[in-house]
Amino acid sequence: MHESTSSFDTVVIGAGPVGLACALEIQRRGFTVCVVDKGALVNSIVGYPNQMEFFSTPELLEIGGYPMPTNHYKPLREEALDYYRRVAQVEKLPLRLHERVLGLEGEENHYEVVTTKGRIATRFVVVATGFFDVPVKMNVPGEDLPNVSHYYKEPYTHVDQQVVVVGARNSSAKAALQLLRAGAHVTMVVRSAELSPAVKYWIRPDLENRIKEGRIKAYFNAIIQAIRPTEMDIATPDGLLTLPVDFTYALTGYRPDYSLLDALGITSQDDAARTPTHDQETFETNRPGVYMAGTVCGGLNTSRWFIENGRYHAAVIAAHLAGEAAPATPQIIQPVQLSK
């Protein structure tokens, strides 16, 4: 149990790449800082598939001016995990991991972050919680069965099994191909009429050819109705079908943790993305002294911010806290999405 009397100038909630970038930029300006996360260091990347290759080149993932060493044109998950750990250690960032934030009491300069392990007194708070921890549910019977997962790690436990992959974006495409080549019998269930246009150009033809030759079955314009331990029902243009299934990967996307934002007193706008309320220039939220950074700023529009452009929020927030002019930030016309 941490002492409830601990105190820092700034608490950063979220120990992902953007949260770490915020912490080190703030610390470099003379503020004391603490990073709190309900999971591990860079917990989202820990949850990515083993040996996952990022779609980004290393310079787009770097924080704090530290080069990312890699033996590949595009870094692997394991290289990124080691990189961010080393940056955190070199910068001596105080970390409180596996500690969930429950709420925020007080006001600017006199806040207390309430966690499962006590209270942290602080002047300012930065929320950099990303979106990978809350899957978008299908809301169908059987979704909570033990043989259904919203996260894919590796294919090797599925040899000779009937595996259904739900979704049509990069994560689903890569999972389906890996599962096929590891000996699984793969079926894709896709709500839309075709694969997502977002599927990368070097992945799409591979998947399309595997579907054409029949090695991967694919049902388009199809919606899952119910999942049972050994089968599922799907609605298709040709009627209701029952498919045999041993395991289902429902890779249907993720969303910010709005329950946490509510607990922190951060409101959301009345728009389609439920965008959390914040100043577009300073990233300060409706609650004075509370900022947000990274993907969470986009709300349900999780394709707006990534590590590549979200990392620049760190210097903007740190400068605002220090009373400095906002730094010029490189403009990224089209952020490059991470593979999941």
Protein backbone atom coordinates (compact mmCIF):
# COMPACT_ATOMS: atom_id res chain seq x y z
CA MET A 1 0.00 0.00 0.00
CA HIS A 2 1.36 3.39 -1.03
CA GLU A 3 1.25 6.15 1.57
CA SER A 4 -1.83 8.31 1.04
CA THR A 5 0.23 11.40 1.84
CA SER A 6 2.33 11.16 -1.35
CA SER A 7 2.40 14.42 -3.28
CA PHE A 8 3.51 15.50 -6.76
CA ASP A 9 3.09 18.62 -8.87
CA THR A 10 1.52 16.54 -11.64
CA VAL A 11 -0.06 13.11 -11.88
CA VAL A 12 -0.18 11.49 -15.32
CA ILE A 13 -2.88 8.83 -15.64
CA GLY A 14 -1.80 6.29 -18.22
CA ALA A 15 1.67 4.78 -18.67
CA GLY A 16 1.50 4.36 -22.43
CA PRO A 17 3.89 6.06 -24.85
CA VAL A 18 1.98 9.36 -24.81
CA GLY A 19 1.64 9.32 -21.02
CA LEU A 20 5.38 8.70 -20.66
CA ALA A 21 6.09 11.50 -23.15
CA CYS A 22 3.94 13.86 -21.06
CA ALA A 23 5.66 12.85 -17.83
CA LEU A 24 9.19 13.35 -19.10
CA GLU A 25 8.40 16.72 -20.76
CA ILE A 26 6.76 17.96 -17.55
CA GLN A 27 9.58 16.64 -15.38
CA ARG A 28 12.16 18.34 -17.59
CA ARG A 29 10.52 21.66 -16.77
CA GLY A 30 11.16 21.22 -13.08
CA PHE A 31 7.83 19.78 -11.96
CA THR A 32 7.63 16.63 -9.87
CA VAL A 33 5.55 14.01 -11.64
CA CYS A 34 4.07 10.58 -11.04
CA VAL A 35 2.68 8.14 -13.62
CA VAL A 36 -0.23 5.93 -12.53
CA ASP A 37 -1.64 3.03 -14.56
CA LYS A 38 -4.11 0.27 -13.74
CA GLY A 39 -1.93 -2.18 -15.69
CA ALA A 40 1.66 -2.67 -16.74
CA LEU A 41 4.02 -0.18 -18.30
CA VAL A 42 2.75 0.51 -21.86
CA ASN A 43 -0.06 -1.90 -21.08
CA SER A 44 -1.72 -1.61 -24.48
CA ILE A 45 1.44 -2.68 -26.30
CA VAL A 46 1.74 -5.60 -23.85
CA GLY A 47 -1.71 -6.61 -25.11
CA TYR A 48 -0.77 -6.49 -28.79
CA PRO A 49 -0.12 -9.75 -30.67
CA ASN A 50 3.25 -11.36 -30.10
CA GLN A 51 5.89 -10.25 -32.62
CA MET A 52 3.43 -7.65 -33.98
CA GLU A 53 5.04 -5.32 -36.50
CA PHE A 54 4.07 -1.67 -36.15
CA PHE A 55 2.91 0.04 -39.31
CA SER A 56 5.07 3.02 -38.32
CA THR A 57 8.79 3.48 -38.75
CA PRO A 58 10.79 3.96 -35.53
CA GLU A 59 11.26 7.72 -35.73
CA LEU A 60 7.48 8.17 -35.59
CA LEU A 61 7.26 6.25 -32.31
CA GLU A 62 10.14 7.94 -30.46
CA ILE A 63 9.62 10.11 -27.38
CA GLY A 64 11.88 12.47 -25.46
CA GLY A 65 14.46 12.63 -28.23
CA TYR A 66 15.62 9.05 -27.64
CA PRO A 67 16.27 7.03 -30.82
CA MET A 68 14.44 3.72 -31.00
CA PRO A 69 16.90 0.91 -31.81
CA THR A 70 15.55 -1.77 -34.11
CA ASN A 71 16.81 -4.38 -36.52
CA HIS A 72 13.76 -3.91 -38.69
CA TYR A 73 12.40 -1.20 -40.97
CA LYS A 74 9.30 -1.23 -38.78
CA PRO A 75 9.73 -2.06 -35.07
CA LEU A 76 8.28 -5.13 -33.45
CA ARG A 77 6.12 -5.15 -30.34
CA GLU A 78 8.96 -6.53 -28.21
CA GLU A 79 11.37 -3.82 -29.38
CA ALA A 80 8.85 -1.12 -28.49
CA LEU A 81 8.26 -2.63 -25.06
CA ASP A 82 11.99 -2.55 -24.32
CA TYR A 83 12.38 0.96 -25.73
CA TYR A 84 9.67 2.59 -23.63
CA ARG A 85 10.86 0.77 -20.52
CA ARG A 86 14.39 2.06 -21.02
CA VAL A 87 13.19 5.63 -21.60
CA ALA A 88 11.15 5.52 -18.38
CA GLN A 89 14.13 4.18 -16.45
CA VAL A 90 16.67 6.62 -17.91
CA GLU A 91 14.36 9.54 -17.11
CA LYS A 92 13.75 8.07 -13.63
CA LEU A 93 10.01 8.56 -13.97
CA PRO A 94 8.16 7.63 -10.76
CA LEU A 95 5.77 4.84 -11.73
CA ARG A 96 2.79 3.45 -9.83
CA LEU A 97 1.68 0.50 -11.94
CA HIS A 98 -1.18 -1.93 -11.38
CA GLU A 99 -2.96 0.83 -9.46
CA ARG A 100 -6.39 1.86 -10.73
CA VAL A 101 -7.56 5.47 -10.53
CA LEU A 102 -11.03 5.72 -9.00
CA GLY A 103 -11.69 9.46 -8.97
CA LEU A 104 -10.46 13.00 -8.53
CA GLU A 105 -11.34 15.31 -5.64
CA GLY A 106 -10.59 18.97 -5.00
CA GLU A 107 -9.69 21.76 -7.41
CA GLU A 108 -6.74 23.08 -9.40
CA ASN A 109 -3.54 23.23 -7.32
CA HIS A 110 -5.31 21.24 -4.59
CA TYR A 111 -6.37 17.97 -6.21
CA GLU A 112 -6.30 14.47 -4.78
CA VAL A 113 -6.22 11.52 -7.16
CA VAL A 114 -8.05 8.64 -5.50
CA THR A 115 -6.70 5.18 -6.38
CA THR A 116 -7.09 1.61 -5.24
CA LYS A 117 -3.93 2.08 -3.16
CA GLY A 118 -4.52 5.46 -1.55
CA ARG A 119 -4.53 9.13 -2.46
CA ILE A 120 -2.05 11.29 -4.35
CA ALA A 121 -2.04 15.04 -3.73
CA THR A 122 -1.28 17.01 -6.88
CA ARG A 123 -1.61 20.41 -8.52
CA PHE A 124 -2.33 19.15 -12.04
CA VAL A 125 -3.52 15.98 -13.76
CA VAL A 126 -2.89 14.71 -17.29
CA VAL A 127 -5.15 11.97 -18.64
CA ALA A 128 -3.45 9.83 -21.31
CA THR A 129 -5.46 6.63 -21.07
CA GLY A 130 -5.78 5.71 -24.75
CA PHE A 131 -8.61 3.40 -25.81
CA PHE A 132 -7.35 -0.20 -26.07
CA ASP A 133 -8.69 -1.39 -22.71
CA VAL A 134 -12.43 -1.19 -23.48
CA PRO A 135 -13.56 -3.35 -26.42
CA VAL A 136 -16.60 -2.42 -28.48
CA LYS A 137 -19.09 -5.14 -27.65
CA MET A 138 -21.34 -6.90 -30.16
CA ASN A 139 -24.04 -7.22 -27.49
CA VAL A 140 -25.10 -10.71 -28.53
CA PRO A 141 -25.88 -13.76 -26.37
CA GLY A 142 -22.74 -15.78 -25.67
CA GLU A 143 -20.28 -12.91 -26.11
CA ASP A 144 -19.02 -13.50 -22.57
CA LEU A 145 -18.28 -17.19 -23.09
CA PRO A 146 -14.69 -18.26 -22.30
CA ASN A 147 -14.06 -19.17 -25.95
CA VAL A 148 -14.74 -15.60 -27.12
CA SER A 149 -12.05 -12.92 -26.94
CA HIS A 150 -11.77 -9.30 -28.06
CA TYR A 151 -7.97 -9.55 -28.04
CA TYR A 152 -5.75 -11.67 -30.27
CA LYS A 153 -2.24 -12.67 -29.20
CA GLU A 154 -1.02 -15.64 -31.28
CA PRO A 155 -2.44 -18.53 -33.33
CA TYR A 156 -0.67 -21.59 -32.00
CA THR A 157 -3.36 -22.91 -29.65
CA HIS A 158 -5.85 -23.22 -32.50
CA VAL A 159 -4.38 -26.03 -34.63
CA ASP A 160 -7.23 -27.92 -36.37
CA GLN A 161 -9.86 -25.77 -34.63
CA GLN A 162 -12.78 -23.92 -36.16
CA VAL A 163 -11.98 -20.25 -35.50
CA VAL A 164 -14.24 -17.32 -36.38
CA VAL A 165 -12.69 -13.87 -36.79
CA VAL A 166 -15.15 -10.98 -36.58
CA GLY A 167 -14.19 -7.74 -38.29
CA ALA A 168 -12.72 -6.44 -41.53
CA ARG A 169 -9.84 -4.14 -40.57
CA ASN A 170 -6.11 -4.75 -40.21
CA SER A 171 -6.28 -6.58 -36.90
CA SER A 172 -8.84 -9.03 -38.24
CA ALA A 173 -7.01 -9.49 -41.54
CA LYS A 174 -3.68 -10.25 -39.90
CA ALA A 175 -5.24 -12.57 -37.32
CA ALA A 176 -7.09 -14.53 -40.00
CA LEU A 177 -3.92 -15.01 -42.05
CA GLN A 178 -1.82 -16.02 -39.06
CA LEU A 179 -4.46 -18.48 -37.84
CA LEU A 180 -4.71 -20.05 -41.29
CA ARG A 181 -0.97 -20.57 -41.52
CA ALA A 182 -0.84 -22.06 -38.03
CA GLY A 183 -3.29 -24.80 -38.97
CA ALA A 184 -6.67 -23.37 -37.97
CA HIS A 185 -9.86 -23.53 -40.04
CA VAL A 186 -10.72 -19.84 -40.37
CA THR A 187 -14.03 -18.15 -41.06
CA MET A 188 -14.46 -14.37 -41.20
CA VAL A 189 -17.76 -12.66 -40.35
CA VAL A 190 -17.95 -9.12 -41.71
CA ARG A 191 -20.80 -6.63 -41.24
CA SER A 192 -19.91 -4.65 -44.35
CA ALA A 193 -20.04 -5.69 -48.01
CA GLU A 194 -16.25 -5.93 -48.31
CA LEU A 195 -12.99 -5.61 -46.44
CA SER A 196 -12.30 -2.21 -44.94
CA PRO A 197 -10.48 0.28 -47.20
CA ALA A 198 -8.12 0.77 -44.24
CA VAL A 199 -6.58 -2.69 -44.71
CA LYS A 200 -2.96 -2.10 -45.73
CA TYR A 201 -2.08 -2.58 -49.36
CA TRP A 202 0.40 -5.39 -48.66
CA ILE A 203 -2.11 -7.32 -46.52
CA ARG A 204 -5.25 -6.98 -48.65
CA PRO A 205 -4.22 -9.08 -51.69
CA ASP A 206 -2.95 -11.89 -49.48
CA LEU A 207 -6.27 -12.09 -47.64
CA GLU A 208 -8.40 -11.64 -50.76
CA ASN A 209 -6.57 -14.47 -52.52
CA ARG A 210 -6.96 -16.79 -49.53
CA ILE A 211 -10.69 -16.05 -49.54
CA LYS A 212 -10.98 -16.60 -53.32
CA GLU A 213 -9.26 -19.96 -53.14
CA GLY A 214 -11.51 -21.03 -50.26
CA ARG A 215 -8.85 -21.49 -47.61
CA ILE A 216 -10.55 -18.74 -45.57
CA LYS A 217 -14.34 -18.66 -45.61
CA ALA A 218 -15.83 -15.19 -45.49
CA TYR A 219 -19.40 -14.05 -44.95
CA PHE A 220 -20.03 -10.41 -45.87
CA ASN A 221 -23.08 -8.34 -44.91
CA ALA A 222 -23.30 -10.77 -42.01
CA ILE A 223 -24.18 -10.13 -38.38
CA ILE A 224 -23.70 -12.50 -35.46
CA GLN A 225 -26.96 -13.30 -33.69
CA ALA A 226 -25.81 -15.67 -30.93
CA ILE A 227 -22.74 -17.63 -29.83
CA ARG A 228 -22.82 -21.01 -28.11
CA PRO A 229 -19.93 -23.21 -26.90
CA THR A 230 -19.60 -25.10 -30.21
CA GLU A 231 -21.54 -23.03 -32.77
CA MET A 232 -22.87 -19.60 -33.65
CA ASP A 233 -25.81 -18.16 -35.58
CA ILE A 234 -25.22 -15.43 -38.15
CA ALA A 235 -27.71 -13.45 -40.21
CA THR A 236 -26.66 -13.27 -43.87
CA PRO A 237 -28.32 -12.04 -47.09
CA ASP A 238 -29.16 -15.71 -47.72
CA GLY A 239 -30.80 -16.18 -44.34
CA LEU A 240 -29.81 -17.46 -40.93
CA LEU A 241 -26.78 -19.76 -40.86
CA THR A 242 -25.31 -21.85 -38.06
CA LEU A 243 -21.52 -22.18 -38.09
CA PRO A 244 -19.36 -24.63 -36.13
CA VAL A 245 -16.93 -22.74 -33.90
CA ASP A 246 -14.35 -23.65 -31.28
CA PHE A 247 -13.11 -20.10 -30.68
CA THR A 248 -14.18 -16.59 -31.70
CA TYR A 249 -12.00 -13.50 -32.01
CA ALA A 250 -14.35 -10.52 -31.97
CA LEU A 251 -11.92 -7.85 -33.18
CA THR A 252 -14.60 -5.19 -33.34
CA GLY A 253 -12.60 -2.20 -32.11
CA TYR A 254 -12.06 -0.38 -28.84
CA ARG A 255 -13.18 2.83 -27.15
CA PRO A 256 -12.06 5.18 -24.35
CA ASP A 257 -13.02 4.41 -20.77
CA TYR A 258 -15.83 6.93 -20.34
CA SER A 259 -16.55 5.69 -16.83
CA LEU A 260 -13.09 6.88 -15.80
CA LEU A 261 -13.56 10.23 -17.54
CA ASP A 262 -16.86 10.64 -15.68
CA ALA A 263 -15.13 9.80 -12.38
CA LEU A 264 -12.55 12.48 -13.14
CA GLY A 265 -15.25 15.06 -13.84
CA ILE A 266 -14.45 15.36 -17.55
CA THR A 267 -17.54 15.97 -19.66
CA SER A 268 -18.10 14.98 -23.29
CA GLN A 269 -19.45 16.96 -26.20
CA ASP A 270 -22.78 16.16 -27.81
CA ASP A 271 -21.30 14.92 -31.07
CA ALA A 272 -21.05 11.58 -32.84
CA ALA A 273 -17.58 10.91 -31.39
CA ARG A 274 -18.58 11.82 -27.82
CA THR A 275 -15.42 13.92 -27.85
CA PRO A 276 -14.15 14.61 -24.31
CA THR A 277 -14.31 18.33 -23.59
CA HIS A 278 -10.91 19.99 -23.96
CA ASP A 279 -9.27 23.09 -25.38
CA GLN A 280 -7.91 22.32 -28.84
CA GLU A 281 -4.85 24.54 -28.26
CA THR A 282 -3.81 23.68 -24.69
CA PHE A 283 -5.55 20.30 -24.18
CA GLU A 284 -6.96 21.50 -20.84
CA THR A 285 -10.34 19.92 -20.11
CA ASN A 286 -13.47 21.47 -18.64
CA ARG A 287 -11.94 20.84 -15.23
CA PRO A 288 -9.23 23.49 -14.61
CA GLY A 289 -5.77 22.03 -14.24
CA VAL A 290 -6.80 18.69 -15.76
CA TYR A 291 -5.45 17.97 -19.24
CA MET A 292 -5.74 15.12 -21.70
CA ALA A 293 -3.33 13.81 -24.30
CA GLY A 294 -3.20 11.23 -27.06
CA THR A 295 -5.92 9.03 -28.49
CA VAL A 296 -8.42 9.72 -25.71
CA CYS A 297 -8.77 13.28 -27.05
CA GLY A 298 -10.66 11.94 -30.07
CA GLY A 299 -13.30 10.08 -28.10
CA LEU A 300 -14.94 7.42 -30.25
CA ASN A 301 -12.96 8.72 -33.23
CA THR A 302 -9.99 6.54 -32.33
CA SER A 303 -8.35 7.08 -35.73
CA ARG A 304 -7.64 10.77 -35.10
CA TRP A 305 -4.69 10.45 -32.72
CA PHE A 306 -1.94 7.84 -32.48
CA ILE A 307 1.49 7.69 -30.90
CA GLU A 308 2.83 9.40 -34.00
CA ASN A 309 0.95 12.66 -33.54
CA GLY A 310 -0.35 12.28 -29.97
CA ARG A 311 3.19 12.37 -28.57
CA TYR A 312 3.37 16.07 -29.53
CA HIS A 313 0.63 16.85 -27.02
CA ALA A 314 3.24 16.31 -24.31
CA ALA A 315 5.33 19.38 -25.12
CA VAL A 316 2.21 21.54 -25.55
CA ILE A 317 0.83 20.58 -22.13
CA ALA A 318 4.22 20.90 -20.41
CA ALA A 319 4.74 24.35 -21.92
CA HIS A 320 1.29 25.47 -20.78
CA LEU A 321 1.97 24.31 -17.23
CA ALA A 322 5.29 26.17 -17.24
CA GLY A 323 3.79 29.35 -18.67
CA GLU A 324 5.78 29.03 -21.89
CA ALA A 325 4.67 29.73 -25.44
CA ALA A 326 3.22 26.73 -27.18
CA PRO A 327 5.92 24.91 -29.16
CA ALA A 328 5.66 24.45 -32.89
CA THR A 329 4.74 20.87 -33.67
CA PRO A 330 5.31 18.97 -36.91
CA GLN A 331 2.14 18.51 -38.91
CA ILE A 332 1.21 14.94 -39.73
CA ILE A 333 -1.23 15.00 -42.62
CA GLN A 334 -2.40 11.41 -42.22
CA PRO A 335 -1.50 9.56 -39.02
CA VAL A 336 -0.23 6.04 -39.56
CA GLN A 337 -2.36 3.53 -37.66
CA LEU A 338 -0.72 0.91 -35.49
CA SER A 339 -1.21 -2.72 -36.24
CA LYS A 340 -3.14 -4.56 -33.54
